[in-house]
């Protein structure tokens, strides 16, 4: 999936509503609609530094499908 233009320099995008973080670079095309919905709802959050540990530090957890794929 391509990164949204507003967040083109950020790999990890968080959903403020659910505290879930998405790794946009490794998101399947089947789940791309989640990022589109996130941007449309204006509920996206980026992290500085743009790392998964920083997202976790702020209480966000990795998207379940990506978390499962990482543990395989």
N, C-alpha and C. Protein backbone atom coordinates (compact mmCIF):
# COMPACT_ATOMS: atom_id res chain seq x y z
N UNK A 1 0.84 -1.18 0.00
CA UNK A 1 0.00 0.00 0.00
C UNK A 1 0.89 1.24 0.00
N UNK A 2 0.45 2.27 -0.72
CA UNK A 2 1.15 3.55 -0.71
C UNK A 2 0.77 4.33 0.53
N UNK A 3 1.72 5.11 1.01
CA UNK A 3 1.44 5.95 2.18
C UNK A 3 0.52 7.10 1.79
N UNK A 4 -0.40 7.49 2.67
CA UNK A 4 -1.28 8.63 2.38
C UNK A 4 -0.43 9.90 2.21
N UNK A 5 -0.84 10.78 1.33
CA UNK A 5 -0.05 11.98 1.03
C UNK A 5 0.18 12.86 2.25
N UNK A 6 -0.79 12.93 3.12
CA UNK A 6 -0.64 13.75 4.33
C UNK A 6 0.39 13.16 5.29
N UNK A 7 0.61 11.86 5.21
CA UNK A 7 1.53 11.15 6.10
C UNK A 7 2.61 10.42 5.30
N UNK A 8 3.05 11.01 4.21
CA UNK A 8 3.98 10.32 3.31
C UNK A 8 5.34 10.02 3.94
N UNK A 9 5.70 10.72 5.00
CA UNK A 9 6.99 10.50 5.65
C UNK A 9 6.86 9.66 6.92
N UNK A 10 5.72 9.02 7.11
CA UNK A 10 5.48 8.25 8.32
C UNK A 10 5.07 6.82 7.97
N UNK A 11 5.77 5.88 8.56
CA UNK A 11 5.48 4.46 8.32
C UNK A 11 4.36 3.96 9.22
N UNK A 12 4.32 4.44 10.46
CA UNK A 12 3.34 3.97 11.43
C UNK A 12 2.26 5.00 11.65
N UNK A 13 1.01 4.59 11.47
CA UNK A 13 -0.14 5.46 11.70
C UNK A 13 -1.03 4.84 12.76
N UNK A 14 -1.40 5.66 13.73
CA UNK A 14 -2.25 5.18 14.80
C UNK A 14 -3.67 5.67 14.64
N UNK A 15 -4.59 4.88 15.14
CA UNK A 15 -6.01 5.24 15.16
C UNK A 15 -6.34 5.73 16.56
N UNK A 16 -6.64 7.01 16.69
CA UNK A 16 -6.93 7.61 18.00
C UNK A 16 -8.15 6.98 18.66
N UNK A 17 -9.07 6.45 17.86
CA UNK A 17 -10.32 5.90 18.40
C UNK A 17 -10.13 4.54 19.05
N UNK A 18 -9.22 3.74 18.52
CA UNK A 18 -9.07 2.36 18.98
C UNK A 18 -7.70 2.05 19.58
N UNK A 19 -6.77 3.00 19.49
CA UNK A 19 -5.40 2.81 20.00
C UNK A 19 -4.69 1.67 19.27
N UNK A 20 -4.98 1.51 17.98
CA UNK A 20 -4.32 0.51 17.14
C UNK A 20 -3.37 1.26 16.21
N UNK A 21 -2.18 0.68 16.01
CA UNK A 21 -1.22 1.28 15.09
C UNK A 21 -1.06 0.35 13.89
N UNK A 22 -0.95 0.94 12.71
CA UNK A 22 -0.80 0.21 11.46
C UNK A 22 0.58 0.48 10.88
N UNK A 23 1.26 -0.57 10.43
CA UNK A 23 2.50 -0.43 9.68
C UNK A 23 2.08 -0.32 8.22
N UNK A 24 2.01 0.90 7.73
CA UNK A 24 1.47 1.15 6.40
C UNK A 24 2.29 0.45 5.32
N UNK A 25 3.60 0.37 5.50
CA UNK A 25 4.46 -0.25 4.49
C UNK A 25 4.21 -1.74 4.33
N UNK A 26 3.74 -2.42 5.35
CA UNK A 26 3.51 -3.86 5.23
C UNK A 26 2.03 -4.23 5.31
N UNK A 27 1.16 -3.27 5.13
CA UNK A 27 -0.28 -3.53 5.18
C UNK A 27 -0.74 -4.15 3.86
N UNK A 28 -1.52 -5.21 3.94
CA UNK A 28 -2.05 -5.86 2.74
C UNK A 28 -3.02 -4.93 2.01
N UNK A 29 -3.11 -5.12 0.70
CA UNK A 29 -4.05 -4.32 -0.09
C UNK A 29 -5.49 -4.56 0.35
N UNK A 30 -5.77 -5.74 0.86
CA UNK A 30 -7.12 -6.05 1.33
C UNK A 30 -7.50 -5.21 2.54
N UNK A 31 -6.51 -4.71 3.27
CA UNK A 31 -6.78 -3.90 4.46
C UNK A 31 -6.52 -2.42 4.23
N UNK A 32 -6.24 -2.03 3.01
CA UNK A 32 -5.95 -0.63 2.69
C UNK A 32 -7.13 0.28 3.02
N UNK A 33 -8.34 -0.26 2.96
CA UNK A 33 -9.52 0.54 3.26
C UNK A 33 -9.48 1.08 4.70
N UNK A 34 -8.79 0.37 5.59
CA UNK A 34 -8.69 0.83 6.99
C UNK A 34 -7.96 2.17 7.08
N UNK A 35 -6.92 2.32 6.30
CA UNK A 35 -6.16 3.57 6.31
C UNK A 35 -6.98 4.68 5.66
N UNK A 36 -7.67 4.35 4.57
CA UNK A 36 -8.53 5.35 3.92
C UNK A 36 -9.60 5.85 4.89
N UNK A 37 -10.20 4.93 5.63
CA UNK A 37 -11.23 5.29 6.60
C UNK A 37 -10.64 6.14 7.72
N UNK A 38 -9.45 5.79 8.14
CA UNK A 38 -8.76 6.51 9.21
C UNK A 38 -8.50 7.97 8.81
N UNK A 39 -8.03 8.16 7.60
CA UNK A 39 -7.76 9.51 7.10
C UNK A 39 -9.06 10.29 6.95
N UNK A 40 -10.07 9.64 6.41
CA UNK A 40 -11.37 10.31 6.20
C UNK A 40 -11.98 10.75 7.53
N UNK A 41 -11.82 9.94 8.58
CA UNK A 41 -12.39 10.26 9.89
C UNK A 41 -11.53 11.26 10.67
N UNK A 42 -10.38 11.63 10.10
CA UNK A 42 -9.44 12.55 10.74
C UNK A 42 -9.05 12.05 12.14
N UNK A 43 -8.83 10.73 12.23
CA UNK A 43 -8.48 10.12 13.51
C UNK A 43 -7.07 9.52 13.48
N UNK A 44 -6.28 9.91 12.47
CA UNK A 44 -4.93 9.37 12.33
C UNK A 44 -3.94 10.15 13.19
N UNK A 45 -2.95 9.43 13.66
CA UNK A 45 -1.91 10.01 14.49
C UNK A 45 -0.58 9.42 14.04
N UNK A 46 0.44 10.26 13.91
CA UNK A 46 1.78 9.76 13.60
C UNK A 46 2.64 9.90 14.84
N UNK A 47 3.77 9.24 14.82
CA UNK A 47 4.63 9.18 15.99
C UNK A 47 6.00 9.76 15.68
N UNK A 48 6.62 10.35 16.68
CA UNK A 48 7.96 10.89 16.53
C UNK A 48 8.80 10.43 17.70
N UNK A 49 9.77 9.62 17.49
CA UNK A 49 10.21 9.06 16.20
C UNK A 49 9.21 8.04 15.64
N UNK A 50 9.30 7.85 14.35
CA UNK A 50 8.36 6.99 13.62
C UNK A 50 8.77 5.53 13.78
N UNK A 51 8.55 4.99 14.98
CA UNK A 51 8.93 3.62 15.27
C UNK A 51 7.80 2.91 16.02
N UNK A 52 7.80 1.59 15.93
CA UNK A 52 6.82 0.81 16.65
C UNK A 52 7.00 0.91 18.16
N UNK A 53 8.25 0.90 18.67
CA UNK A 53 8.41 1.09 20.12
C UNK A 53 7.83 2.42 20.63
N UNK A 54 7.92 3.47 19.84
CA UNK A 54 7.34 4.75 20.26
C UNK A 54 5.82 4.66 20.29
N UNK A 55 5.23 3.98 19.32
CA UNK A 55 3.77 3.79 19.32
C UNK A 55 3.34 2.99 20.55
N UNK A 56 4.10 1.96 20.86
CA UNK A 56 3.78 1.16 22.05
C UNK A 56 3.94 1.98 23.32
N UNK A 57 4.95 2.83 23.34
CA UNK A 57 5.18 3.71 24.49
C UNK A 57 3.97 4.61 24.74
N UNK A 58 3.25 4.94 23.71
CA UNK A 58 2.06 5.80 23.84
C UNK A 58 0.77 4.99 24.03
N UNK A 59 0.91 3.68 24.22
CA UNK A 59 -0.25 2.86 24.50
C UNK A 59 -0.92 2.23 23.30
N UNK A 60 -0.32 2.33 22.12
CA UNK A 60 -0.90 1.74 20.91
C UNK A 60 -0.39 0.32 20.74
N UNK A 61 -1.25 -0.55 20.16
CA UNK A 61 -0.85 -1.92 19.89
C UNK A 61 -0.95 -2.15 18.38
N UNK A 62 -0.06 -2.97 17.87
CA UNK A 62 0.01 -3.26 16.45
C UNK A 62 -1.26 -3.96 15.98
N UNK A 63 -1.71 -3.63 14.79
CA UNK A 63 -2.89 -4.23 14.15
C UNK A 63 -2.77 -5.75 14.24
N UNK A 64 -3.84 -6.40 14.64
CA UNK A 64 -3.83 -7.84 14.95
C UNK A 64 -3.27 -8.70 13.82
N UNK A 65 -3.65 -8.44 12.58
CA UNK A 65 -3.13 -9.24 11.45
C UNK A 65 -1.62 -9.08 11.32
N UNK A 66 -1.12 -7.88 11.53
CA UNK A 66 0.31 -7.65 11.42
C UNK A 66 1.04 -8.25 12.61
N UNK A 67 0.43 -8.20 13.76
CA UNK A 67 1.02 -8.80 14.96
C UNK A 67 1.13 -10.31 14.78
N UNK A 68 0.09 -10.94 14.23
CA UNK A 68 0.11 -12.39 13.99
C UNK A 68 1.16 -12.75 12.95
N UNK A 69 1.29 -11.96 11.91
CA UNK A 69 2.29 -12.22 10.87
C UNK A 69 3.70 -12.09 11.41
N UNK A 70 3.90 -11.16 12.32
CA UNK A 70 5.23 -10.95 12.91
C UNK A 70 5.64 -12.11 13.81
N UNK A 71 4.68 -12.77 14.40
CA UNK A 71 5.00 -13.87 15.31
C UNK A 71 5.21 -15.20 14.59
N UNK A 72 4.86 -15.26 13.30
CA UNK A 72 5.04 -16.51 12.52
C UNK A 72 6.48 -16.79 12.24
